[in-house]
Amino acid sequence: MAELRRMPAATSTGECVFCAIGSGRAPAAFVHEDDDFVAVVDLRPVTTGHLLVLPRAHYADLASLPAAAGARMFTIAQELAAASRRTDLRCEAINLFLADGKAAGQEIPHVHLHVIPRFAGDGFVLNADWRVRTREELTEVAAKVRAAR
């Protein structure tokens, strides 16, 4: 299975690598820049054209990201996904992927959204127990999430 991240979480000075990129203190190939967000070509892409959308401000995880910023992050990703499809890069489909927390595969504690061009045979797979669950289990899970909101 292809890995999504394999880069250090901090620069040689100990700064969050994504904060350094967002502030211009670390190099990157930018595809989007505004006051609050940047998007860059991933240093170690799953496929050619793999992009990262990240806030300039440091938010360790999705829960700490303000809702409006989260909406903007996904809007930027949607725009970049459409742009990727218009290039001559191999792109039959797109995955948006956000790993929120270490157990989910987040290695850099700065929230970021992957925009991954996909094509048949690209080697990237998500493997899980995709079996259908019982209606009772689904109802119980729904009730727990509703109660926690």
Foldseek 3Di string as FASTA:
>chain_A
DDAADDDAQADPVRHGPLLCVLVVVDDFAWPDDDPFKTKGFDPDALFPPKIKIFTNDFDQFPVRDDPVVVVVQVVVLVVSLVVVVVDPGQAPDWDKDWQGDVVSRDNHRGTMIIIHGDDPPSPDDDDDDPDDDDPVVVVVVVVVVVVVD
